[in-house]
Every structure is written in structure tokens, then in C-alpha cells.
């Protein structure tokens, strides 16, 4: 699709505007979009998105509606949850994580669908790290099985651990 203004370059900026219930769309190249309106910074987009998510995620009522959460200020730095939302999602100190844990939990569930951070590994090293982690999990499971005197299962786990440790990439 070509730019609707210069009709020469490919359109890379797609803008939608709602005025009095009427939707208008513009498809512009970067140069024309800068001339029409000041470019939107990534920070402004991120803070706007984060603010939207935080305002939605306060606390769900059983009926599916959200209610506003009135939280106490952090005893260490004095920041309130409303202040956290107003400054673009930056907490004041490490104690804020504990103080606002309930509110932050709701936000994290909306953003990443889980409260547990799994992390990422580069693909080259990911398989090796997975094998080490899995071998450690199997070792602790093997200890429990040995304590229960289930030696057949312990032998199976031992063989699985050896297989993981000798496996080549």
C-alpha cells in the first residue's frame, strides 16, 4: 500500500482517528506522518498501554466489572498505587513490591498470563540448560522415591538422569 499523501513511498504508519463517532483512517509513509503530526514516542505508547492495563486490572468483582482499589501508601517511600499508575508504572522502592503485591499481581496476570517468570535462554544454550534443570528435578524426585523404598522407580529415574547427562546436542 502506498502513502495516501505523497503516493510514492510505502505506507508504514497507519493511523485511526475517531471524531464524534466517525472513524477516519490514514495510511502514510514515515516522512509524511512526521509532517502531519508529531511522531509518537515508544515511551508514550508504552505508558499509555500500561496505564490502560492498570486501570482495568484493579480488582475484578464477581459480576465481571472492575472496582477501584484504594491502597495504603508505601511506608518506606510514601508512594501510593495511584502514584505508581500516574508515573507510568515505576515503583518508588523495593518495599512497594510487597505493599502493592495484590494490585501488581492483577496487572501481571493481565499482561503475561502468569505470576511466575520462566525466563528465556538463547537457543544455542537453551537445550543444555533445560537438560540440567530437568536432571536436577529428577534427582530430587529420585530422593523421594528412595525414601519411600520404591527402588524400581529410583532405578528408572537414575537411567533417565544418565541419559540426559550423556545426551549430545
N, C-alpha and C. Protein backbone atom coordinates (compact mmCIF):
# COMPACT_ATOMS: atom_id res chain seq x y z
N UNK A 1 0.85 -1.17 0.00
CA UNK A 1 0.00 0.00 0.00
C UNK A 1 0.90 1.24 0.00
N UNK A 2 0.57 2.19 -0.85
CA UNK A 2 1.34 3.43 -0.95
C UNK A 2 0.79 4.49 -0.01
N UNK A 3 1.64 5.43 0.32
CA UNK A 3 1.27 6.57 1.17
C UNK A 3 0.11 7.33 0.52
N UNK A 4 -0.90 7.68 1.31
CA UNK A 4 -2.06 8.40 0.79
C UNK A 4 -1.77 9.87 0.52
N UNK A 5 -0.64 10.37 1.03
CA UNK A 5 -0.33 11.79 0.82
C UNK A 5 0.61 11.98 -0.37
N UNK A 6 1.76 11.29 -0.37
CA UNK A 6 2.74 11.50 -1.45
C UNK A 6 2.58 10.51 -2.59
N UNK A 7 1.92 9.40 -2.35
CA UNK A 7 1.68 8.35 -3.35
C UNK A 7 2.97 7.82 -3.96
N UNK A 8 4.09 7.88 -3.21
CA UNK A 8 5.37 7.43 -3.75
C UNK A 8 6.00 6.32 -2.90
N UNK A 9 5.98 6.50 -1.60
CA UNK A 9 6.64 5.56 -0.70
C UNK A 9 5.60 4.61 -0.09
N UNK A 10 6.06 3.45 0.38
CA UNK A 10 5.11 2.52 1.03
C UNK A 10 4.62 3.10 2.36
N UNK A 11 3.36 2.85 2.65
CA UNK A 11 2.77 3.32 3.91
C UNK A 11 3.26 2.44 5.04
N UNK A 12 3.89 3.06 6.01
CA UNK A 12 4.38 2.32 7.19
C UNK A 12 3.69 2.76 8.47
N UNK A 13 2.96 3.87 8.41
CA UNK A 13 2.24 4.39 9.58
C UNK A 13 0.76 4.33 9.26
N UNK A 14 0.00 3.65 10.11
CA UNK A 14 -1.43 3.51 9.89
C UNK A 14 -2.13 4.16 11.08
N UNK A 15 -2.85 5.23 10.83
CA UNK A 15 -3.47 6.00 11.90
C UNK A 15 -4.99 5.88 11.80
N UNK A 16 -5.63 5.75 12.95
CA UNK A 16 -7.08 5.78 13.04
C UNK A 16 -7.46 6.91 13.97
N UNK A 17 -8.50 7.62 13.60
CA UNK A 17 -8.95 8.72 14.43
C UNK A 17 -10.46 8.65 14.54
N UNK A 18 -10.96 8.82 15.75
CA UNK A 18 -12.40 8.83 15.99
C UNK A 18 -12.80 10.23 16.40
N UNK A 19 -13.63 10.87 15.61
CA UNK A 19 -14.13 12.21 15.91
C UNK A 19 -15.64 12.16 15.83
N UNK A 20 -16.30 12.45 16.97
CA UNK A 20 -17.77 12.44 17.05
C UNK A 20 -18.35 11.13 16.51
N UNK A 21 -17.72 10.02 16.85
CA UNK A 21 -18.22 8.72 16.45
C UNK A 21 -17.88 8.32 15.03
N UNK A 22 -17.18 9.17 14.29
CA UNK A 22 -16.81 8.86 12.92
C UNK A 22 -15.35 8.45 12.87
N UNK A 23 -15.10 7.30 12.25
CA UNK A 23 -13.74 6.76 12.18
C UNK A 23 -13.12 7.16 10.84
N UNK A 24 -11.91 7.73 10.92
CA UNK A 24 -11.15 8.01 9.70
C UNK A 24 -9.81 7.31 9.80
N UNK A 25 -9.33 6.79 8.68
CA UNK A 25 -8.05 6.09 8.65
C UNK A 25 -7.13 6.77 7.66
N UNK A 26 -5.84 6.78 8.01
CA UNK A 26 -4.83 7.33 7.11
C UNK A 26 -3.67 6.35 7.07
N UNK A 27 -3.15 6.13 5.88
CA UNK A 27 -2.00 5.25 5.68
C UNK A 27 -0.90 6.10 5.04
N UNK A 28 0.15 6.35 5.82
CA UNK A 28 1.19 7.29 5.40
C UNK A 28 2.57 6.66 5.48
N UNK A 29 3.50 7.24 4.71
CA UNK A 29 4.90 6.87 4.86
C UNK A 29 5.43 7.62 6.10
N UNK A 30 6.61 7.25 6.54
CA UNK A 30 7.16 7.87 7.75
C UNK A 30 7.33 9.38 7.58
N UNK A 31 7.87 9.80 6.44
CA UNK A 31 8.13 11.23 6.22
C UNK A 31 6.84 12.05 6.27
N UNK A 32 5.78 11.58 5.63
CA UNK A 32 4.51 12.31 5.62
C UNK A 32 3.85 12.31 7.00
N UNK A 33 4.02 11.21 7.74
CA UNK A 33 3.41 11.16 9.07
C UNK A 33 4.06 12.16 10.02
N UNK A 34 5.37 12.40 9.86
CA UNK A 34 6.07 13.37 10.69
C UNK A 34 5.58 14.78 10.37
N UNK A 35 5.28 15.06 9.10
CA UNK A 35 4.80 16.38 8.71
C UNK A 35 3.40 16.65 9.23
N UNK A 36 2.56 15.62 9.26
CA UNK A 36 1.17 15.82 9.69
C UNK A 36 1.06 15.99 11.19
N UNK A 37 1.72 15.13 11.92
CA UNK A 37 1.58 15.14 13.37
C UNK A 37 2.91 14.74 13.98
N UNK A 38 3.20 15.23 15.17
CA UNK A 38 4.45 14.88 15.85
C UNK A 38 4.50 13.38 16.05
N UNK A 39 5.66 12.76 15.80
CA UNK A 39 5.74 11.32 15.96
C UNK A 39 5.51 10.92 17.42
N UNK A 40 4.88 9.79 17.59
CA UNK A 40 4.59 9.28 18.93
C UNK A 40 5.78 8.47 19.39
N UNK A 41 6.27 8.79 20.56
CA UNK A 41 7.43 8.05 21.06
C UNK A 41 7.00 6.69 21.59
N UNK A 42 7.93 5.76 21.60
CA UNK A 42 7.66 4.43 22.13
C UNK A 42 7.30 4.53 23.61
N UNK A 43 7.98 5.43 24.35
CA UNK A 43 7.67 5.61 25.77
C UNK A 43 6.22 6.03 25.96
N UNK A 44 5.75 6.97 25.13
CA UNK A 44 4.37 7.44 25.25
C UNK A 44 3.39 6.30 24.96
N UNK A 45 3.68 5.50 23.94
CA UNK A 45 2.81 4.37 23.62
C UNK A 45 2.80 3.36 24.77
N UNK A 46 3.99 3.03 25.29
CA UNK A 46 4.09 2.04 26.36
C UNK A 46 3.38 2.53 27.61
N UNK A 47 3.62 3.80 28.00
CA UNK A 47 2.97 4.33 29.19
C UNK A 47 1.47 4.39 29.03
N UNK A 48 1.00 4.71 27.83
CA UNK A 48 -0.45 4.72 27.58
C UNK A 48 -1.04 3.33 27.69
N UNK A 49 -0.35 2.34 27.12
CA UNK A 49 -0.82 0.96 27.20
C UNK A 49 -0.78 0.46 28.63
N UNK A 50 0.32 0.73 29.33
CA UNK A 50 0.44 0.30 30.72
C UNK A 50 -0.64 0.95 31.58
N UNK A 51 -0.89 2.23 31.35
CA UNK A 51 -1.94 2.92 32.10
C UNK A 51 -3.30 2.31 31.86
N UNK A 52 -3.59 1.93 30.62
CA UNK A 52 -4.87 1.30 30.29
C UNK A 52 -5.01 -0.03 30.99
N UNK A 53 -3.94 -0.82 30.97
CA UNK A 53 -4.00 -2.13 31.61
C UNK A 53 -4.16 -1.98 33.12
N UNK A 54 -3.43 -1.02 33.71
CA UNK A 54 -3.51 -0.84 35.16
C UNK A 54 -4.89 -0.35 35.58
N UNK A 55 -5.50 0.50 34.78
CA UNK A 55 -6.82 0.99 35.17
C UNK A 55 -7.85 -0.11 35.06
N UNK A 56 -7.65 -1.06 34.15
CA UNK A 56 -8.59 -2.17 34.00
C UNK A 56 -8.39 -3.24 35.06
N UNK A 57 -7.17 -3.41 35.52
CA UNK A 57 -6.85 -4.58 36.31
C UNK A 57 -6.95 -4.37 37.81
N UNK A 58 -7.61 -3.34 38.24
CA UNK A 58 -7.63 -3.06 39.67
C UNK A 58 -8.06 -4.29 40.46
N UNK A 59 -9.29 -4.68 40.37
CA UNK A 59 -9.72 -5.89 41.06
C UNK A 59 -11.07 -6.28 40.48
N UNK A 60 -11.17 -7.49 39.97
CA UNK A 60 -12.41 -7.92 39.31
C UNK A 60 -13.44 -8.30 40.36
N UNK A 61 -14.66 -7.81 40.17
CA UNK A 61 -15.78 -8.21 41.01
C UNK A 61 -16.40 -9.46 40.40
N UNK A 62 -17.19 -10.23 41.16
CA UNK A 62 -17.78 -11.44 40.60
C UNK A 62 -18.60 -11.19 39.34
N UNK A 63 -19.21 -10.03 39.20
CA UNK A 63 -20.02 -9.74 38.03
C UNK A 63 -19.21 -9.40 36.80
N UNK A 64 -17.90 -9.38 36.90
CA UNK A 64 -17.06 -9.10 35.76
C UNK A 64 -16.68 -7.64 35.65
N UNK A 65 -17.17 -6.78 36.54
CA UNK A 65 -16.83 -5.37 36.50
C UNK A 65 -15.63 -5.11 37.39
N UNK A 66 -14.90 -4.08 37.09
CA UNK A 66 -13.71 -3.74 37.87
C UNK A 66 -14.04 -2.63 38.86
N UNK A 67 -13.43 -2.72 40.02
CA UNK A 67 -13.62 -1.67 41.02
C UNK A 67 -12.28 -0.99 41.27
N UNK A 68 -12.33 0.21 41.71
CA UNK A 68 -11.09 0.94 42.02
C UNK A 68 -10.54 0.42 43.35
N UNK A 69 -9.24 0.28 43.42
CA UNK A 69 -8.57 -0.18 44.63
C UNK A 69 -7.98 1.03 45.32
N UNK A 70 -8.33 1.20 46.57
CA UNK A 70 -7.76 2.29 47.37
C UNK A 70 -6.73 1.64 48.28
N UNK A 71 -5.45 1.87 48.00
CA UNK A 71 -4.42 1.21 48.77
C UNK A 71 -3.71 2.20 49.68
N UNK A 72 -3.09 1.65 50.69
CA UNK A 72 -2.31 2.44 51.63
C UNK A 72 -0.98 2.82 50.98
N UNK A 73 -0.39 3.94 51.37
CA UNK A 73 0.92 4.31 50.79
C UNK A 73 2.02 3.39 51.33
N UNK A 74 3.08 3.30 50.55
CA UNK A 74 4.23 2.51 50.96
C UNK A 74 4.85 3.16 52.19
N UNK A 75 5.09 2.41 53.27
CA UNK A 75 5.67 3.01 54.48
C UNK A 75 7.12 3.47 54.30
N UNK A 76 7.81 2.93 53.30
CA UNK A 76 9.21 3.30 53.09
C UNK A 76 9.37 4.58 52.29
N UNK A 77 8.67 4.65 51.13
CA UNK A 77 8.86 5.81 50.26
C UNK A 77 7.63 6.71 50.15
N UNK A 78 6.48 6.25 50.66
CA UNK A 78 5.26 7.06 50.64
C UNK A 78 4.47 7.01 49.35
N UNK A 79 4.91 6.23 48.37
CA UNK A 79 4.19 6.16 47.10
C UNK A 79 2.87 5.42 47.27
N UNK A 80 1.85 5.91 46.58
CA UNK A 80 0.56 5.23 46.56
C UNK A 80 0.43 4.48 45.25
N UNK A 81 -0.54 3.57 45.18
CA UNK A 81 -0.74 2.84 43.93
C UNK A 81 -1.20 3.79 42.83
N UNK A 82 -1.98 4.79 43.20
CA UNK A 82 -2.41 5.79 42.22
C UNK A 82 -1.19 6.55 41.68
N UNK A 83 -0.21 6.83 42.55
CA UNK A 83 1.02 7.48 42.13
C UNK A 83 1.83 6.59 41.20
N UNK A 84 1.83 5.29 41.48
CA UNK A 84 2.50 4.32 40.62
C UNK A 84 1.90 4.36 39.22
N UNK A 85 0.58 4.40 39.13
CA UNK A 85 -0.09 4.45 37.82
C UNK A 85 0.21 5.78 37.12
N UNK A 86 0.23 6.87 37.89
CA UNK A 86 0.42 8.19 37.30
C UNK A 86 1.83 8.38 36.73
N UNK A 87 2.82 7.73 37.32
CA UNK A 87 4.20 7.93 36.84
C UNK A 87 4.61 6.87 35.82
N UNK A 88 3.66 6.22 35.21
CA UNK A 88 3.98 5.29 34.12
C UNK A 88 4.44 3.93 34.56
N UNK A 89 4.12 3.51 35.76
CA UNK A 89 4.44 2.15 36.18
C UNK A 89 5.80 1.98 36.81
N UNK A 90 6.35 3.03 37.41
CA UNK A 90 7.65 2.91 38.08
C UNK A 90 7.41 2.98 39.58
N UNK A 91 7.85 1.94 40.29
CA UNK A 91 7.69 1.89 41.73
C UNK A 91 8.76 2.74 42.41
N UNK A 92 8.45 3.17 43.63
CA UNK A 92 9.36 4.05 44.35
C UNK A 92 10.51 3.36 45.02
N UNK A 93 10.31 2.13 45.52
CA UNK A 93 11.37 1.41 46.22
C UNK A 93 11.04 -0.09 46.20
N UNK A 94 11.96 -0.87 46.77
CA UNK A 94 11.73 -2.32 46.77
C UNK A 94 10.57 -2.73 47.66
N UNK A 95 10.24 -1.95 48.68
CA UNK A 95 9.12 -2.29 49.57
C UNK A 95 7.78 -2.16 48.84
N UNK A 96 7.73 -1.34 47.78
CA UNK A 96 6.49 -1.17 47.02
C UNK A 96 6.00 -2.49 46.44
N UNK A 97 6.93 -3.39 46.07
CA UNK A 97 6.53 -4.68 45.50
C UNK A 97 5.70 -5.47 46.51
N UNK A 98 6.09 -5.41 47.77
CA UNK A 98 5.36 -6.13 48.81
C UNK A 98 4.05 -5.42 49.13
N UNK A 99 4.10 -4.09 49.25
CA UNK A 99 2.92 -3.31 49.63
C UNK A 99 1.82 -3.42 48.58
N UNK A 100 2.20 -3.35 47.31
CA UNK A 100 1.22 -3.37 46.23
C UNK A 100 1.14 -4.73 45.54
N UNK A 101 1.52 -5.79 46.24
CA UNK A 101 1.60 -7.11 45.61
C UNK A 101 0.25 -7.55 45.04
N UNK A 102 -0.84 -7.26 45.72
CA UNK A 102 -2.15 -7.68 45.22
C UNK A 102 -2.49 -6.97 43.92
N UNK A 103 -2.28 -5.67 43.88
CA UNK A 103 -2.59 -4.90 42.68
C UNK A 103 -1.65 -5.26 41.54
N UNK A 104 -0.36 -5.42 41.86
CA UNK A 104 0.61 -5.78 40.83
C UNK A 104 0.34 -7.18 40.28
N UNK A 105 -0.12 -8.07 41.14
CA UNK A 105 -0.46 -9.42 40.70
C UNK A 105 -1.54 -9.41 39.63
N UNK A 106 -2.56 -8.57 39.83
CA UNK A 106 -3.63 -8.48 38.84
C UNK A 106 -3.10 -7.93 37.52
N UNK A 107 -2.20 -6.96 37.59
CA UNK A 107 -1.62 -6.39 36.37
C UNK A 107 -0.78 -7.44 35.65
N UNK A 108 0.07 -8.15 36.39
CA UNK A 108 0.93 -9.16 35.77
C UNK A 108 0.11 -10.27 35.12
N UNK A 109 -0.97 -10.68 35.75
CA UNK A 109 -1.81 -11.72 35.16
C UNK A 109 -2.41 -11.24 33.84
N UNK A 110 -2.79 -9.96 33.76
CA UNK A 110 -3.33 -9.43 32.51
C UNK A 110 -2.27 -9.31 31.44
N UNK A 111 -1.06 -8.95 31.82
CA UNK A 111 0.00 -8.69 30.85
C UNK A 111 0.65 -9.97 30.36
N UNK A 112 1.01 -10.89 31.27
CA UNK A 112 1.78 -12.05 30.85
C UNK A 112 1.15 -13.38 31.20
N UNK A 113 -0.08 -13.37 31.68
CA UNK A 113 -0.86 -14.59 31.92
C UNK A 113 -0.26 -15.52 32.97
N UNK A 114 0.73 -15.08 33.71
CA UNK A 114 1.33 -15.92 34.74
C UNK A 114 2.04 -15.04 35.77
N UNK A 115 2.06 -15.50 37.00
CA UNK A 115 2.77 -14.77 38.04
C UNK A 115 4.22 -15.23 38.15
N UNK A 116 4.56 -16.35 37.52
CA UNK A 116 5.90 -16.91 37.62
C UNK A 116 6.69 -16.55 36.37
N UNK A 117 7.88 -16.00 36.57
CA UNK A 117 8.74 -15.66 35.45
C UNK A 117 9.59 -16.87 35.11
N UNK A 118 9.43 -17.37 33.90
CA UNK A 118 10.18 -18.55 33.47
C UNK A 118 11.53 -18.17 32.88
N UNK A 119 11.63 -17.00 32.30
CA UNK A 119 12.88 -16.58 31.69
C UNK A 119 13.05 -17.18 30.31
N UNK A 120 14.06 -16.73 29.63
CA UNK A 120 14.35 -17.22 28.28
C UNK A 120 15.84 -17.49 28.17
N UNK A 121 16.19 -18.44 27.35
CA UNK A 121 17.58 -18.77 27.10
C UNK A 121 17.83 -18.64 25.60
N UNK A 122 19.03 -18.25 25.22
CA UNK A 122 19.36 -18.29 23.79
C UNK A 122 19.23 -19.74 23.31
N UNK A 123 18.78 -19.93 22.08
CA UNK A 123 18.50 -21.26 21.59
C UNK A 123 19.72 -22.17 21.67
N UNK A 124 20.90 -21.61 21.45
CA UNK A 124 22.13 -22.41 21.49
C UNK A 124 22.33 -23.04 22.87
N UNK A 125 22.03 -22.30 23.93
CA UNK A 125 22.27 -22.78 25.28
C UNK A 125 21.00 -23.30 25.96
N UNK A 126 19.85 -23.08 25.35
CA UNK A 126 18.58 -23.45 25.96
C UNK A 126 18.43 -24.93 26.21
N UNK A 127 18.85 -25.76 25.26
CA UNK A 127 18.70 -27.21 25.42
C UNK A 127 19.58 -27.73 26.55
N UNK A 128 20.78 -27.21 26.64
CA UNK A 128 21.68 -27.64 27.71
C UNK A 128 21.13 -27.24 29.08
N UNK A 129 20.64 -26.01 29.18
CA UNK A 129 20.08 -25.55 30.45
C UNK A 129 18.83 -26.36 30.82
N UNK A 130 18.00 -26.67 29.81
CA UNK A 130 16.81 -27.48 30.08
C UNK A 130 17.20 -28.85 30.62
N UNK A 131 18.22 -29.48 30.00
CA UNK A 131 18.64 -30.80 30.45
C UNK A 131 19.16 -30.75 31.89
N UNK A 132 19.95 -29.71 32.23
CA UNK A 132 20.46 -29.59 33.59
C UNK A 132 19.32 -29.40 34.60
N UNK A 133 18.37 -28.55 34.24
CA UNK A 133 17.23 -28.29 35.12
C UNK A 133 16.39 -29.56 35.30
N UNK A 134 16.16 -30.26 34.21
CA UNK A 134 15.38 -31.49 34.27
C UNK A 134 16.10 -32.56 35.08
N UNK A 135 17.42 -32.68 34.93
CA UNK A 135 18.19 -33.65 35.70
C UNK A 135 18.11 -33.33 37.19
N UNK A 136 18.18 -32.07 37.55
CA UNK A 136 18.04 -31.68 38.97
C UNK A 136 16.68 -32.02 39.52
N UNK A 137 15.64 -31.78 38.71
CA UNK A 137 14.27 -32.13 39.14
C UNK A 137 14.14 -33.63 39.34
N UNK A 138 14.71 -34.40 38.42
CA UNK A 138 14.63 -35.86 38.52
C UNK A 138 15.43 -36.38 39.72
N UNK A 139 16.56 -35.74 40.03
CA UNK A 139 17.35 -36.15 41.21
C UNK A 139 16.55 -35.99 42.50
N UNK A 140 15.88 -34.84 42.63
CA UNK A 140 15.08 -34.64 43.85
C UNK A 140 13.91 -35.62 43.90
N UNK A 141 13.32 -35.92 42.76
CA UNK A 141 12.24 -36.90 42.71
C UNK A 141 12.77 -38.28 43.07
N UNK A 142 13.98 -38.61 42.60
CA UNK A 142 14.60 -39.90 42.90
C UNK A 142 14.85 -40.03 44.41
N UNK A 143 15.26 -38.94 45.06
CA UNK A 143 15.48 -38.99 46.52
C UNK A 143 14.18 -39.34 47.25
N UNK A 144 13.09 -38.72 46.83
CA UNK A 144 11.79 -39.02 47.46
C UNK A 144 11.41 -40.48 47.25
N UNK A 145 11.63 -40.98 46.04
CA UNK A 145 11.29 -42.37 45.72
C UNK A 145 12.15 -43.33 46.53
N UNK A 146 13.42 -43.00 46.73
CA UNK A 146 14.30 -43.85 47.54
C UNK A 146 13.83 -43.87 48.99
N UNK A 147 13.43 -42.71 49.51
CA UNK A 147 12.92 -42.65 50.89
C UNK A 147 11.67 -43.50 51.05
N UNK A 148 10.88 -43.62 49.98
CA UNK A 148 9.68 -44.46 50.01
C UNK A 148 10.00 -45.92 49.72
N UNK A 149 11.29 -46.21 49.48
CA UNK A 149 11.80 -47.55 49.19
C UNK A 149 11.19 -48.15 47.92
N UNK A 150 10.95 -47.28 46.94
CA UNK A 150 10.47 -47.73 45.63
C UNK A 150 11.68 -47.77 44.71
N UNK A 151 12.46 -48.84 44.82
CA UNK A 151 13.76 -48.92 44.17
C UNK A 151 13.67 -49.11 42.65
N UNK A 152 12.61 -49.74 42.19
CA UNK A 152 12.44 -49.90 40.74
C UNK A 152 12.27 -48.53 40.07
N UNK A 153 11.44 -47.69 40.67
CA UNK A 153 11.23 -46.35 40.13
C UNK A 153 12.51 -45.52 40.25
N UNK A 154 13.25 -45.70 41.35
CA UNK A 154 14.51 -44.98 41.53
C UNK A 154 15.51 -45.38 40.44
N UNK A 155 15.55 -46.66 40.09
CA UNK A 155 16.47 -47.12 39.03
C UNK A 155 16.06 -46.52 37.69
N UNK A 156 14.77 -46.45 37.42
CA UNK A 156 14.29 -45.86 36.17
C UNK A 156 14.68 -44.38 36.09
N UNK A 157 14.50 -43.67 37.21
CA UNK A 157 14.87 -42.25 37.26
C UNK A 157 16.38 -42.07 37.09
N UNK A 158 17.17 -42.97 37.72
CA UNK A 158 18.63 -42.91 37.58
C UNK A 158 19.04 -43.05 36.12
N UNK A 159 18.41 -43.99 35.42
CA UNK A 159 18.72 -44.19 34.00
C UNK A 159 18.32 -42.98 33.17
N UNK A 160 17.21 -42.37 33.50
CA UNK A 160 16.75 -41.19 32.77
C UNK A 160 17.71 -40.01 33.00
N UNK A 161 18.21 -39.87 34.23
CA UNK A 161 19.18 -38.82 34.54
C UNK A 161 20.47 -39.05 33.75
N UNK A 162 20.95 -40.28 33.73
CA UNK A 162 22.17 -40.60 32.97
C UNK A 162 21.98 -40.30 31.48
N UNK A 163 20.81 -40.63 30.98
CA UNK A 163 20.52 -40.37 29.57
C UNK A 163 20.56 -38.87 29.28
N UNK A 164 19.99 -38.07 30.17
CA UNK A 164 20.00 -36.62 29.98
C UNK A 164 21.42 -36.06 30.05
N UNK A 165 22.22 -36.57 30.97
CA UNK A 165 23.57 -36.05 31.17
C UNK A 165 24.53 -36.45 30.06
N UNK A 166 24.29 -37.57 29.42
CA UNK A 166 25.20 -38.00 28.36
C UNK A 166 24.71 -37.58 26.97
N UNK A 167 23.53 -37.06 26.88
CA UNK A 167 22.95 -36.64 25.60
C UNK A 167 23.77 -35.53 24.99
N UNK A 168 24.03 -35.59 23.70
CA UNK A 168 24.79 -34.57 22.98
C UNK A 168 23.84 -33.68 22.22
N UNK A 169 24.26 -32.45 21.96
CA UNK A 169 23.43 -31.50 21.19
C UNK A 169 23.47 -31.82 19.72
